[in-house]
Amino acid sequence: MCKDLFETIDTTIRKERLYAEVGLMREDVMKRFRISRHHLNDLLNLHADGMSFPQYINAIRMEKACELIVNHPEMKLSDVASQVGFTAPNLREQFKQKYGMTPKKYRGLEIENK
């Protein structure tokens, strides 16, 4: 039952592109699904590798940013950032933390490998 609820939340966040809202808050998800903060945290602990809500949303944002960078090389990185709910500097920072390189360098490597 808990896994079903998590999957419903995850699917909604992805399909409705809630992750793209810069101001998305944990409270928005809690209100939408009528669950407590504690329940949401439990769901994330059990089904999202123990990530916090911001970590979980940023993971989705990074996943979607990578898809856009690879599949739309013509797209400006600032546009990629805004499409997934990041600012351009935040996308760069998150990318460097996760991949050890900038989105621009990542794009270059992906294009080389195609």
PDB file of N, CA and C in Angstrom:
ATOM      1  N   MET A   1       0.819  -1.199   0.000  1.00  0.00           N
ATOM      2  CA  MET A   1       0.000   0.000   0.000  1.00  0.00           C
ATOM      3  C   MET A   1       0.863   1.264   0.000  1.00  0.00           C
ATOM      4  N   CYS A   2       1.886   1.298   0.856  1.00  0.00           N
ATOM      5  CA  CYS A   2       2.777   2.459   0.892  1.00  0.00           C
ATOM      6  C   CYS A   2       3.528   2.614  -0.425  1.00  0.00           C
ATOM      7  N   LYS A   3       3.963   1.493  -0.988  1.00  0.00           N
ATOM      8  CA  LYS A   3       4.675   1.547  -2.260  1.00  0.00           C
ATOM      9  C   LYS A   3       3.759   2.094  -3.355  1.00  0.00           C
ATOM     10  N   ASP A   4       2.493   1.688  -3.347  1.00  0.00           N
ATOM     11  CA  ASP A   4       1.532   2.202  -4.325  1.00  0.00           C
ATOM     12  C   ASP A   4       1.369   3.710  -4.190  1.00  0.00           C
ATOM     13  N   LEU A   5       1.296   4.191  -2.971  1.00  0.00           N
ATOM     14  CA  LEU A   5       1.154   5.625  -2.744  1.00  0.00           C
ATOM     15  C   LEU A   5       2.392   6.359  -3.235  1.00  0.00           C
ATOM     16  N   PHE A   6       3.563   5.825  -2.912  1.00  0.00           N
ATOM     17  CA  PHE A   6       4.793   6.464  -3.389  1.00  0.00           C
ATOM     18  C   PHE A   6       4.823   6.500  -4.915  1.00  0.00           C
ATOM     19  N   GLU A   7       4.457   5.400  -5.551  1.00  0.00           N
ATOM     20  CA  GLU A   7       4.454   5.345  -7.017  1.00  0.00           C
ATOM     21  C   GLU A   7       3.460   6.345  -7.603  1.00  0.00           C
ATOM     22  N   THR A   8       2.332   6.518  -6.955  1.00  0.00           N
ATOM     23  CA  THR A   8       1.349   7.508  -7.407  1.00  0.00           C
ATOM     24  C   THR A   8       1.928   8.917  -7.293  1.00  0.00           C
ATOM     25  N   ILE A   9       2.561   9.203  -6.180  1.00  0.00           N
ATOM     26  CA  ILE A   9       3.177  10.520  -5.972  1.00  0.00           C
ATOM     27  C   ILE A   9       4.274  10.748  -7.011  1.00  0.00           C
ATOM     28  N   ASP A  10       5.149   9.774  -7.169  1.00  0.00           N
ATOM     29  CA  ASP A  10       6.259   9.882  -8.112  1.00  0.00           C
ATOM     30  C   ASP A  10       5.753  10.083  -9.541  1.00  0.00           C
ATOM     31  N   THR A  11       4.774   9.302  -9.933  1.00  0.00           N
ATOM     32  CA  THR A  11       4.200   9.412 -11.279  1.00  0.00           C
ATOM     33  C   THR A  11       3.578  10.782 -11.495  1.00  0.00           C
ATOM     34  N   THR A  12       2.860  11.273 -10.511  1.00  0.00           N
ATOM     35  CA  THR A  12       2.225  12.591 -10.616  1.00  0.00           C
ATOM     36  C   THR A  12       3.277  13.685 -10.748  1.00  0.00           C
ATOM     37  N   ILE A  13       4.309  13.625  -9.923  1.00  0.00           N
ATOM     38  CA  ILE A  13       5.374  14.636  -9.972  1.00  0.00           C
ATOM     39  C   ILE A  13       6.023  14.654 -11.348  1.00  0.00           C
ATOM     40  N   ARG A  14       6.212  13.476 -11.928  1.00  0.00           N
ATOM     41  CA  ARG A  14       6.859  13.388 -13.243  1.00  0.00           C
ATOM     42  C   ARG A  14       5.912  13.757 -14.389  1.00  0.00           C
ATOM     43  N   LYS A  15       4.721  13.171 -14.412  1.00  0.00           N
ATOM     44  CA  LYS A  15       3.791  13.408 -15.532  1.00  0.00           C
ATOM     45  C   LYS A  15       3.277  14.839 -15.569  1.00  0.00           C
ATOM     46  N   GLU A  16       2.991  15.387 -14.400  1.00  0.00           N
ATOM     47  CA  GLU A  16       2.478  16.758 -14.347  1.00  0.00           C
ATOM     48  C   GLU A  16       3.604  17.784 -14.275  1.00  0.00           C
ATOM     49  N   ARG A  17       4.838  17.294 -14.319  1.00  0.00           N
ATOM     50  CA  ARG A  17       6.036  18.132 -14.295  1.00  0.00           C
ATOM     51  C   ARG A  17       6.065  19.069 -13.079  1.00  0.00           C
ATOM     52  N   LEU A  18       5.608  18.565 -11.946  1.00  0.00           N
ATOM     53  CA  LEU A  18       5.641  19.375 -10.727  1.00  0.00           C
ATOM     54  C   LEU A  18       7.074  19.744 -10.357  1.00  0.00           C
ATOM     55  N   TYR A  19       8.022  18.865 -10.678  1.00  0.00           N
ATOM     56  CA  TYR A  19       9.439  19.116 -10.393  1.00  0.00           C
ATOM     57  C   TYR A  19       9.930  20.396 -11.068  1.00  0.00           C
ATOM     58  N   ALA A  20       9.275  20.821 -12.145  1.00  0.00           N
ATOM     59  CA  ALA A  20       9.703  21.996 -12.897  1.00  0.00           C
ATOM     60  C   ALA A  20       9.332  23.308 -12.202  1.00  0.00           C
ATOM     61  N   GLU A  21       8.518  23.225 -11.162  1.00  0.00           N
ATOM     62  CA  GLU A  21       8.147  24.418 -10.401  1.00  0.00           C
ATOM     63  C   GLU A  21       9.275  24.744  -9.430  1.00  0.00           C
ATOM     64  N   VAL A  22       9.925  25.881  -9.653  1.00  0.00           N
ATOM     65  CA  VAL A  22      11.056  26.274  -8.809  1.00  0.00           C
ATOM     66  C   VAL A  22      10.654  26.305  -7.336  1.00  0.00           C
ATOM     67  N   GLY A  23       9.450  26.751  -7.063  1.00  0.00           N
ATOM     68  CA  GLY A  23       9.005  26.894  -5.685  1.00  0.00           C
ATOM     69  C   GLY A  23       8.288  25.683  -5.109  1.00  0.00           C
ATOM     70  N   LEU A  24       8.428  24.516  -5.759  1.00  0.00           N
ATOM     71  CA  LEU A  24       7.752  23.327  -5.245  1.00  0.00           C
ATOM     72  C   LEU A  24       8.202  23.037  -3.818  1.00  0.00           C
ATOM     73  N   MET A  25       7.231  22.889  -2.943  1.00  0.00           N
ATOM     74  CA  MET A  25       7.527  22.637  -1.533  1.00  0.00           C
ATOM     75  C   MET A  25       6.963  21.283  -1.112  1.00  0.00           C
ATOM     76  N   ARG A  26       7.563  20.739  -0.121  1.00  0.00           N
ATOM     77  CA  ARG A  26       7.091  19.483   0.470  1.00  0.00           C
ATOM     78  C   ARG A  26       5.614  19.606   0.842  1.00  0.00           C
ATOM     79  N   GLU A  27       5.246  20.781   1.360  1.00  0.00           N
ATOM     80  CA  GLU A  27       3.868  21.018   1.793  1.00  0.00           C
ATOM     81  C   GLU A  27       2.879  20.907   0.631  1.00  0.00           C
ATOM     82  N   ASP A  28       3.318  21.280  -0.572  1.00  0.00           N
ATOM     83  CA  ASP A  28       2.459  21.165  -1.752  1.00  0.00           C
ATOM     84  C   ASP A  28       2.091  19.701  -2.000  1.00  0.00           C
ATOM     85  N   VAL A  29       3.068  18.834  -1.878  1.00  0.00           N
ATOM     86  CA  VAL A  29       2.842  17.397  -2.093  1.00  0.00           C
ATOM     87  C   VAL A  29       2.013  16.823  -0.943  1.00  0.00           C
ATOM     88  N   MET A  30       2.316  17.248   0.273  1.00  0.00           N
ATOM     89  CA  MET A  30       1.558  16.768   1.437  1.00  0.00           C
ATOM     90  C   MET A  30       0.080  17.130   1.289  1.00  0.00           C
ATOM     91  N   LYS A  31      -0.188  18.360   0.904  1.00  0.00           N
ATOM     92  CA  LYS A  31      -1.567  18.821   0.756  1.00  0.00           C
ATOM     93  C   LYS A  31      -2.264  18.091  -0.391  1.00  0.00           C
ATOM     94  N   ARG A  32      -1.566  17.958  -1.495  1.00  0.00           N
ATOM     95  CA  ARG A  32      -2.151  17.314  -2.682  1.00  0.00           C
ATOM     96  C   ARG A  32      -2.566  15.872  -2.397  1.00  0.00           C
ATOM     97  N   PHE A  33      -1.726  15.150  -1.628  1.00  0.00           N
ATOM     98  CA  PHE A  33      -2.000  13.732  -1.376  1.00  0.00           C
ATOM     99  C   PHE A  33      -2.556  13.467   0.020  1.00  0.00           C
ATOM    100  N   ARG A  34      -2.841  14.561   0.736  1.00  0.00           N
ATOM    101  CA  ARG A  34      -3.436  14.476   2.072  1.00  0.00           C
ATOM    102  C   ARG A  34      -2.660  13.526   2.989  1.00  0.00           C
ATOM    103  N   ILE A  35      -1.350  13.794   3.057  1.00  0.00           N
ATOM    104  CA  ILE A  35      -0.497  13.001   3.946  1.00  0.00           C
ATOM    105  C   ILE A  35       0.305  13.943   4.836  1.00  0.00           C
ATOM    106  N   SER A  36       0.757  13.411   5.938  1.00  0.00           N
ATOM    107  CA  SER A  36       1.550  14.213   6.875  1.00  0.00           C
ATOM    108  C   SER A  36       3.011  14.267   6.424  1.00  0.00           C
ATOM    109  N   ARG A  37       3.713  15.201   7.000  1.00  0.00           N
ATOM    110  CA  ARG A  37       5.153  15.327   6.749  1.00  0.00           C
ATOM    111  C   ARG A  37       5.856  14.023   7.111  1.00  0.00           C
ATOM    112  N   HIS A  38       5.482  13.469   8.238  1.00  0.00           N
ATOM    113  CA  HIS A  38       6.074  12.217   8.708  1.00  0.00           C
ATOM    114  C   HIS A  38       5.834  11.087   7.697  1.00  0.00           C
ATOM    115  N   HIS A  39       4.615  10.997   7.179  1.00  0.00           N
ATOM    116  CA  HIS A  39       4.286   9.957   6.208  1.00  0.00           C
ATOM    117  C   HIS A  39       5.092  10.138   4.925  1.00  0.00           C
ATOM    118  N   LEU A  40       5.201  11.376   4.437  1.00  0.00           N
ATOM    119  CA  LEU A  40       5.988  11.640   3.240  1.00  0.00           C
ATOM    120  C   LEU A  40       7.451  11.265   3.472  1.00  0.00           C
ATOM    121  N   ASN A  41       7.980  11.645   4.615  1.00  0.00           N
ATOM    122  CA  ASN A  41       9.371  11.291   4.931  1.00  0.00           C
ATOM    123  C   ASN A  41       9.563   9.788   4.991  1.00  0.00           C
ATOM    124  N   ASP A  42       8.609   9.080   5.568  1.00  0.00           N
ATOM    125  CA  ASP A  42       8.677   7.612   5.615  1.00  0.00           C
ATOM    126  C   ASP A  42       8.675   7.014   4.207  1.00  0.00           C
ATOM    127  N   LEU A  43       7.814   7.544   3.342  1.00  0.00           N
ATOM    128  CA  LEU A  43       7.758   7.052   1.964  1.00  0.00           C
ATOM    129  C   LEU A  43       9.088   7.265   1.248  1.00  0.00           C
ATOM    130  N   LEU A  44       9.673   8.435   1.441  1.00  0.00           N
ATOM    131  CA  LEU A  44      10.965   8.718   0.814  1.00  0.00           C
ATOM    132  C   LEU A  44      12.054   7.811   1.374  1.00  0.00           C
ATOM    133  N   ASN A  45      12.024   7.596   2.683  1.00  0.00           N
ATOM    134  CA  ASN A  45      13.015   6.700   3.297  1.00  0.00           C
ATOM    135  C   ASN A  45      12.916   5.290   2.740  1.00  0.00           C
ATOM    136  N   LEU A  46      11.698   4.810   2.571  1.00  0.00           N
ATOM    137  CA  LEU A  46      11.487   3.438   2.115  1.00  0.00           C
ATOM    138  C   LEU A  46      11.671   3.252   0.613  1.00  0.00           C
ATOM    139  N   HIS A  47      11.260   4.239  -0.179  1.00  0.00           N
ATOM    140  CA  HIS A  47      11.180   4.023  -1.626  1.00  0.00           C
ATOM    141  C   HIS A  47      12.051   4.955  -2.459  1.00  0.00           C
ATOM    142  N   ALA A  48      12.755   5.869  -1.825  1.00  0.00           N
ATOM    143  CA  ALA A  48      13.626   6.796  -2.560  1.00  0.00           C
ATOM    144  C   ALA A  48      15.016   6.814  -1.939  1.00  0.00           C
ATOM    145  N   ASP A  49      15.460   5.650  -1.539  1.00  0.00           N
ATOM    146  CA  ASP A  49      16.814   5.491  -0.987  1.00  0.00           C
ATOM    147  C   ASP A  49      17.128   6.441   0.164  1.00  0.00           C
ATOM    148  N   GLY A  50      16.125   6.776   0.942  1.00  0.00           N
ATOM    149  CA  GLY A  50      16.340   7.611   2.117  1.00  0.00           C
ATOM    150  C   GLY A  50      16.600   9.074   1.821  1.00  0.00           C
ATOM    151  N   MET A  51      16.313   9.499   0.593  1.00  0.00           N
ATOM    152  CA  MET A  51      16.538  10.900   0.242  1.00  0.00           C
ATOM    153  C   MET A  51      15.556  11.804   0.973  1.00  0.00           C
ATOM    154  N   SER A  52      15.990  13.016   1.224  1.00  0.00           N
ATOM    155  CA  SER A  52      15.080  14.035   1.737  1.00  0.00           C
ATOM    156  C   SER A  52      14.224  14.511   0.563  1.00  0.00           C
ATOM    157  N   PHE A  53      13.187  15.269   0.858  1.00  0.00           N
ATOM    158  CA  PHE A  53      12.332  15.768  -0.216  1.00  0.00           C
ATOM    159  C   PHE A  53      13.119  16.611  -1.223  1.00  0.00           C
ATOM    160  N   PRO A  54      13.942  17.582  -0.776  1.00  0.00           N
ATOM    161  CA  PRO A  54      14.707  18.358  -1.761  1.00  0.00           C
ATOM    162  C   PRO A  54      15.668  17.484  -2.585  1.00  0.00           C
ATOM    163  N   GLN A  55      16.292  16.520  -1.958  1.00  0.00           N
ATOM    164  CA  GLN A  55      17.187  15.618  -2.692  1.00  0.00           C
ATOM    165  C   GLN A  55      16.423  14.817  -3.744  1.00  0.00           C
ATOM    166  N   TYR A  56      15.264  14.340  -3.371  1.00  0.00           N
ATOM    167  CA  TYR A  56      14.419  13.567  -4.278  1.00  0.00           C
ATOM    168  C   TYR A  56      13.999  14.402  -5.487  1.00  0.00           C
ATOM    169  N   ILE A  57      13.534  15.619  -5.246  1.00  0.00           N
ATOM    170  CA  ILE A  57      13.115  16.495  -6.347  1.00  0.00           C
ATOM    171  C   ILE A  57      14.323  16.854  -7.209  1.00  0.00           C
ATOM    172  N   ASN A  58      15.447  17.149  -6.593  1.00  0.00           N
ATOM    173  CA  ASN A  58      16.639  17.479  -7.375  1.00  0.00           C
ATOM    174  C   ASN A  58      17.117  16.290  -8.197  1.00  0.00           C
ATOM    175  N   ALA A  59      16.952  15.084  -7.689  1.00  0.00           N
ATOM    176  CA  ALA A  59      17.330  13.885  -8.456  1.00  0.00           C
ATOM    177  C   ALA A  59      16.473  13.777  -9.714  1.00  0.00           C
ATOM    178  N   ILE A  60      15.190  14.045  -9.589  1.00  0.00           N
ATOM    179  CA  ILE A  60      14.309  14.023 -10.763  1.00  0.00           C
ATOM    180  C   ILE A  60      14.713  15.137 -11.722  1.00  0.00           C
ATOM    181  N   ARG A  61      14.979  16.312 -11.187  1.00  0.00           N
ATOM    182  CA  ARG A  61      15.389  17.439 -12.026  1.00  0.00           C
ATOM    183  C   ARG A  61      16.671  17.114 -12.801  1.00  0.00           C
ATOM    184  N   MET A  62      17.623  16.498 -12.120  1.00  0.00           N
ATOM    185  CA  MET A  62      18.885  16.136 -12.780  1.00  0.00           C
ATOM    186  C   MET A  62      18.648  15.101 -13.869  1.00  0.00           C
ATOM    187  N   GLU A  63      17.820  14.130 -13.588  1.00  0.00           N
ATOM    188  CA  GLU A  63      17.476  13.104 -14.582  1.00  0.00           C
ATOM    189  C   GLU A  63      16.875  13.756 -15.831  1.00  0.00           C
ATOM    190  N   LYS A  64      15.924  14.656 -15.615  1.00  0.00           N
ATOM    191  CA  LYS A  64      15.264  15.325 -16.735  1.00  0.00           C
ATOM    192  C   LYS A  64      16.217  16.274 -17.457  1.00  0.00           C
ATOM    193  N   ALA A  65      17.095  16.942 -16.709  1.00  0.00           N
ATOM    194  CA  ALA A  65      18.083  17.833 -17.334  1.00  0.00           C
ATOM    195  C   ALA A  65      19.016  17.031 -18.238  1.00  0.00           C
ATOM    196  N   CYS A  66      19.461  15.883 -17.775  1.00  0.00           N
ATOM    197  CA  CYS A  66      20.338  15.031 -18.592  1.00  0.00           C
ATOM    198  C   CYS A  66      19.638  14.600 -19.871  1.00  0.00           C
ATOM    199  N   GLU A  67      18.375  14.228 -19.763  1.00  0.00           N
ATOM    200  CA  GLU A  67      17.607  13.839 -20.951  1.00  0.00           C
ATOM    201  C   GLU A  67      17.547  14.988 -21.956  1.00  0.00           C
ATOM    202  N   LEU A  68      17.275  16.185 -21.469  1.00  0.00           N
ATOM    203  CA  LEU A  68      17.188  17.341 -22.367  1.00  0.00           C
ATOM    204  C   LEU A  68      18.545  17.673 -22.986  1.00  0.00           C
ATOM    205  N   ILE A  69      19.595  17.615 -22.189  1.00  0.00           N
ATOM    206  CA  ILE A  69      20.940  17.926 -22.683  1.00  0.00           C
ATOM    207  C   ILE A  69      21.343  16.951 -23.792  1.00  0.00           C
ATOM    208  N   VAL A  70      21.042  15.692 -23.596  1.00  0.00           N
ATOM    209  CA  VAL A  70      21.415  14.670 -24.574  1.00  0.00           C
ATOM    210  C   VAL A  70      20.506  14.701 -25.803  1.00  0.00           C
ATOM    211  N   ASN A  71      19.209  14.796 -25.581  1.00  0.00           N
ATOM    212  CA  ASN A  71      18.252  14.692 -26.687  1.00  0.00           C
ATOM    213  C   ASN A  71      17.997  15.996 -27.432  1.00  0.00           C
ATOM    214  N   HIS A  72      18.393  17.116 -26.839  1.00  0.00           N
ATOM    215  CA  HIS A  72      18.169  18.427 -27.471  1.00  0.00           C
ATOM    216  C   HIS A  72      19.436  19.274 -27.387  1.00  0.00           C
ATOM    217  N   PRO A  73      20.468  18.879 -28.132  1.00  0.00           N
ATOM    218  CA  PRO A  73      21.738  19.611 -28.051  1.00  0.00           C
ATOM    219  C   PRO A  73      21.629  21.072 -28.502  1.00  0.00           C
ATOM    220  N   GLU A  74      20.575  21.398 -29.243  1.00  0.00           N
ATOM    221  CA  GLU A  74      20.376  22.778 -29.691  1.00  0.00           C
ATOM    222  C   GLU A  74      19.831  23.674 -28.582  1.00  0.00           C
ATOM    223  N   MET A  75      19.343  23.082 -27.518  1.00  0.00           N
ATOM    224  CA  MET A  75      18.703  23.836 -26.436  1.00  0.00           C
ATOM    225  C   MET A  75      19.764  24.522 -25.566  1.00  0.00           C
ATOM    226  N   LYS A  76      19.544  25.792 -25.282  1.00  0.00           N
ATOM    227  CA  LYS A  76      20.449  26.518 -24.382  1.00  0.00           C
ATOM    228  C   LYS A  76      20.384  25.888 -22.991  1.00  0.00           C
ATOM    229  N   LEU A  77      21.507  25.885 -22.312  1.00  0.00           N
ATOM    230  CA  LEU A  77      21.540  25.301 -20.966  1.00  0.00           C
ATOM    231  C   LEU A  77      20.673  26.092 -19.995  1.00  0.00           C
ATOM    232  N   SER A  78      20.541  27.398 -20.211  1.00  0.00           N
ATOM    233  CA  SER A  78      19.652  28.190 -19.341  1.00  0.00           C
ATOM    234  C   SER A  78      18.198  27.759 -19.547  1.00  0.00           C
ATOM    235  N   ASP A  79      17.852  27.374 -20.779  1.00  0.00           N
ATOM    236  CA  ASP A  79      16.504  26.883 -21.054  1.00  0.00           C
ATOM    237  C   ASP A  79      16.294  25.491 -20.445  1.00  0.00           C
ATOM    238  N   VAL A  80      17.328  24.666 -20.506  1.00  0.00           N
ATOM    239  CA  VAL A  80      17.253  23.349 -19.859  1.00  0.00           C
ATOM    240  C   VAL A  80      16.975  23.550 -18.374  1.00  0.00           C
ATOM    241  N   ALA A  81      17.738  24.439 -17.758  1.00  0.00           N
ATOM    242  CA  ALA A  81      17.578  24.710 -16.328  1.00  0.00           C
ATOM    243  C   ALA A  81      16.145  25.127 -16.007  1.00  0.00           C
ATOM    244  N   SER A  82      15.609  26.059 -16.758  1.00  0.00           N
ATOM    245  CA  SER A  82      14.253  26.544 -16.457  1.00  0.00           C
ATOM    246  C   SER A  82      13.194  25.480 -16.731  1.00  0.00           C
ATOM    247  N   GLN A  83      13.442  24.594 -17.680  1.00  0.00           N
ATOM    248  CA  GLN A  83      12.490  23.521 -17.985  1.00  0.00           C
ATOM    249  C   GLN A  83      12.369  22.508 -16.851  1.00  0.00           C
ATOM    250  N   VAL A  84      13.426  22.381 -16.047  1.00  0.00           N
ATOM    251  CA  VAL A  84      13.419  21.363 -14.988  1.00  0.00           C
ATOM    252  C   VAL A  84      13.324  21.949 -13.578  1.00  0.00           C
ATOM    253  N   GLY A  85      13.192  23.269 -13.477  1.00  0.00           N
ATOM    254  CA  GLY A  85      12.989  23.862 -12.156  1.00  0.00           C
ATOM    255  C   GLY A  85      14.257  24.357 -11.465  1.00  0.00           C
ATOM    256  N   PHE A  86      15.345  24.451 -12.206  1.00  0.00           N
ATOM    257  CA  PHE A  86      16.594  25.005 -11.674  1.00  0.00           C
ATOM    258  C   PHE A  86      16.817  26.393 -12.246  1.00  0.00           C
ATOM    259  N   THR A  87      17.650  27.169 -11.563  1.00  0.00           N
ATOM    260  CA  THR A  87      18.221  28.355 -12.181  1.00  0.00           C
ATOM    261  C   THR A  87      19.480  27.864 -12.909  1.00  0.00           C
ATOM    262  N   ALA A  88      19.989  28.640 -13.849  1.00  0.00           N
ATOM    263  CA  ALA A  88      21.186  28.216 -14.587  1.00  0.00           C
ATOM    264  C   ALA A  88      22.380  27.970 -13.648  1.00  0.00           C
ATOM    265  N   PRO A  89      22.658  28.886 -12.696  1.00  0.00           N
ATOM    266  CA  PRO A  89      23.786  28.619 -11.789  1.00  0.00           C
ATOM    267  C   PRO A  89      23.553  27.362 -10.922  1.00  0.00           C
ATOM    268  N   ASN A  90      22.291  27.129 -10.530  1.00  0.00           N
ATOM    269  CA  ASN A  90      21.983  25.967  -9.713  1.00  0.00           C
ATOM    270  C   ASN A  90      22.180  24.679 -10.505  1.00  0.00           C
ATOM    271  N   LEU A  91      21.786  24.685 -11.779  1.00  0.00           N
ATOM    272  CA  LEU A  91      21.998  23.508 -12.627  1.00  0.00           C
ATOM    273  C   LEU A  91      23.489  23.211 -12.729  1.00  0.00           C
ATOM    274  N   ARG A  92      24.269  24.224 -12.961  1.00  0.00           N
ATOM    275  CA  ARG A  92      25.726  24.059 -13.071  1.00  0.00           C
ATOM    276  C   ARG A  92      26.302  23.481 -11.775  1.00  0.00           C
ATOM    277  N   GLU A  93      25.887  24.041 -10.651  1.00  0.00           N
ATOM    278  CA  GLU A  93      26.370  23.584  -9.339  1.00  0.00           C
ATOM    279  C   GLU A  93      25.970  22.133  -9.079  1.00  0.00           C
ATOM    280  N   GLN A  94      24.705  21.813  -9.315  1.00  0.00           N
ATOM    281  CA  GLN A  94      24.215  20.446  -9.095  1.00  0.00           C
ATOM    282  C   GLN A  94      24.946  19.453 -10.006  1.00  0.00           C
ATOM    283  N   PHE A  95      25.177  19.854 -11.236  1.00  0.00           N
ATOM    284  CA  PHE A  95      25.869  18.993 -12.195  1.00  0.00           C
ATOM    285  C   PHE A  95      27.293  18.714 -11.739  1.00  0.00           C
ATOM    286  N   LYS A  96      27.988  19.776 -11.326  1.00  0.00           N
ATOM    287  CA  LYS A  96      29.370  19.599 -10.875  1.00  0.00           C
ATOM    288  C   LYS A  96      29.436  18.686  -9.662  1.00  0.00           C
ATOM    289  N   GLN A  97      28.471  18.822  -8.753  1.00  0.00           N
ATOM    290  CA  GLN A  97      28.440  17.958  -7.568  1.00  0.00           C
ATOM    291  C   GLN A  97      28.208  16.505  -7.950  1.00  0.00           C
ATOM    292  N   LYS A  98      27.259  16.272  -8.851  1.00  0.00           N
ATOM    293  CA  LYS A  98      26.876  14.897  -9.184  1.00  0.00           C
ATOM    294  C   LYS A  98      27.836  14.226 -10.165  1.00  0.00           C
ATOM    295  N   TYR A  99      28.263  14.957 -11.199  1.00  0.00           N
ATOM    296  CA  TYR A  99      29.046  14.350 -12.277  1.00  0.00           C
ATOM    297  C   TYR A  99      30.497  14.810 -12.342  1.00  0.00           C
ATOM    298  N   GLY A 100      30.844  15.799 -11.524  1.00  0.00           N
ATOM    299  CA  GLY A 100      32.220  16.284 -11.531  1.00  0.00           C
ATOM    300  C   GLY A 100      32.571  17.086 -12.773  1.00  0.00           C
ATOM    301  N   MET A 101      31.555  17.571 -13.467  1.00  0.00           N
ATOM    302  CA  MET A 101      31.764  18.391 -14.661  1.00  0.00           C
ATOM    303  C   MET A 101      30.570  19.306 -14.864  1.00  0.00           C
ATOM    304  N   THR A 102      30.760  20.288 -15.710  1.00  0.00           N
ATOM    305  CA  THR A 102      29.669  21.214 -16.004  1.00  0.00           C
ATOM    306  C   THR A 102      28.703  20.575 -17.004  1.00  0.00           C
ATOM    307  N   PRO A 103      27.482  21.107 -17.093  1.00  0.00           N
ATOM    308  CA  PRO A 103      26.542  20.595 -18.096  1.00  0.00           C
ATOM    309  C   PRO A 103      27.081  20.755 -19.524  1.00  0.00           C
ATOM    310  N   LYS A 104      27.816  21.831 -19.768  1.00  0.00           N
ATOM    311  CA  LYS A 104      28.388  22.074 -21.095  1.00  0.00           C
ATOM    312  C   LYS A 104      29.379  20.975 -21.460  1.00  0.00           C
ATOM    313  N   LYS A 105      30.232  20.620 -20.517  1.00  0.00           N
ATOM    314  CA  LYS A 105      31.209  19.556 -20.773  1.00  0.00           C
ATOM    315  C   LYS A 105      30.483  18.219 -20.952  1.00  0.00           C
ATOM    316  N   TYR A 106      29.490  17.959 -20.128  1.00  0.00           N
ATOM    317  CA  TYR A 106      28.690  16.727 -20.241  1.00  0.00           C
ATOM    318  C   TYR A 106      28.071  16.635 -21.635  1.00  0.00           C
ATOM    319  N   ARG A 107      27.504  17.735 -22.096  1.00  0.00           N
ATOM    320  CA  ARG A 107      26.898  17.764 -23.432  1.00  0.00           C
ATOM    321  C   ARG A 107      27.946  17.427 -24.483  1.00  0.00           C
ATOM    322  N   GLY A 108      29.120  18.001 -24.375  1.00  0.00           N
ATOM    323  CA  GLY A 108      30.184  17.729 -25.330  1.00  0.00           C
ATOM    324  C   GLY A 108      30.583  16.275 -25.356  1.00  0.00           C
ATOM    325  N   LEU A 109      30.683  15.661 -24.193  1.00  0.00           N
ATOM    326  CA  LEU A 109      31.044  14.252 -24.125  1.00  0.00           C
ATOM    327  C   LEU A 109      29.958  13.369 -24.716  1.00  0.00           C
ATOM    328  N   GLU A 110      28.707  13.714 -24.464  1.00  0.00           N
ATOM    329  CA  GLU A 110      27.590  12.938 -24.999  1.00  0.00           C
ATOM    330  C   GLU A 110      27.540  13.022 -26.519  1.00  0.00           C
ATOM    331  N   ILE A 111      27.811  14.198 -27.060  1.00  0.00           N
ATOM    332  CA  ILE A 111      27.791  14.371 -28.511  1.00  0.00           C
ATOM    333  C   ILE A 111      28.942  13.584 -29.143  1.00  0.00           C
ATOM    334  N   GLU A 112      30.112  13.609 -28.501  1.00  0.00           N
ATOM    335  CA  GLU A 112      31.266  12.838 -28.993  1.00  0.00           C
ATOM    336  C   GLU A 112      30.960  11.341 -29.035  1.00  0.00           C
ATOM    337  N   ASN A 113      30.230  10.863 -28.037  1.00  0.00           N
ATOM    338  CA  ASN A 113      29.976   9.425 -27.911  1.00  0.00           C
ATOM    339  C   ASN A 113      28.824   8.918 -28.774  1.00  0.00           C
ATOM    340  N   LYS A 114      28.160   9.801 -29.481  1.00  0.00           N
ATOM    341  CA  LYS A 114      27.040   9.368 -30.334  1.00  0.00           C
ATOM    342  C   LYS A 114      27.536   8.895 -31.675  1.00  0.00           C
TER     343      LYS A 114
END
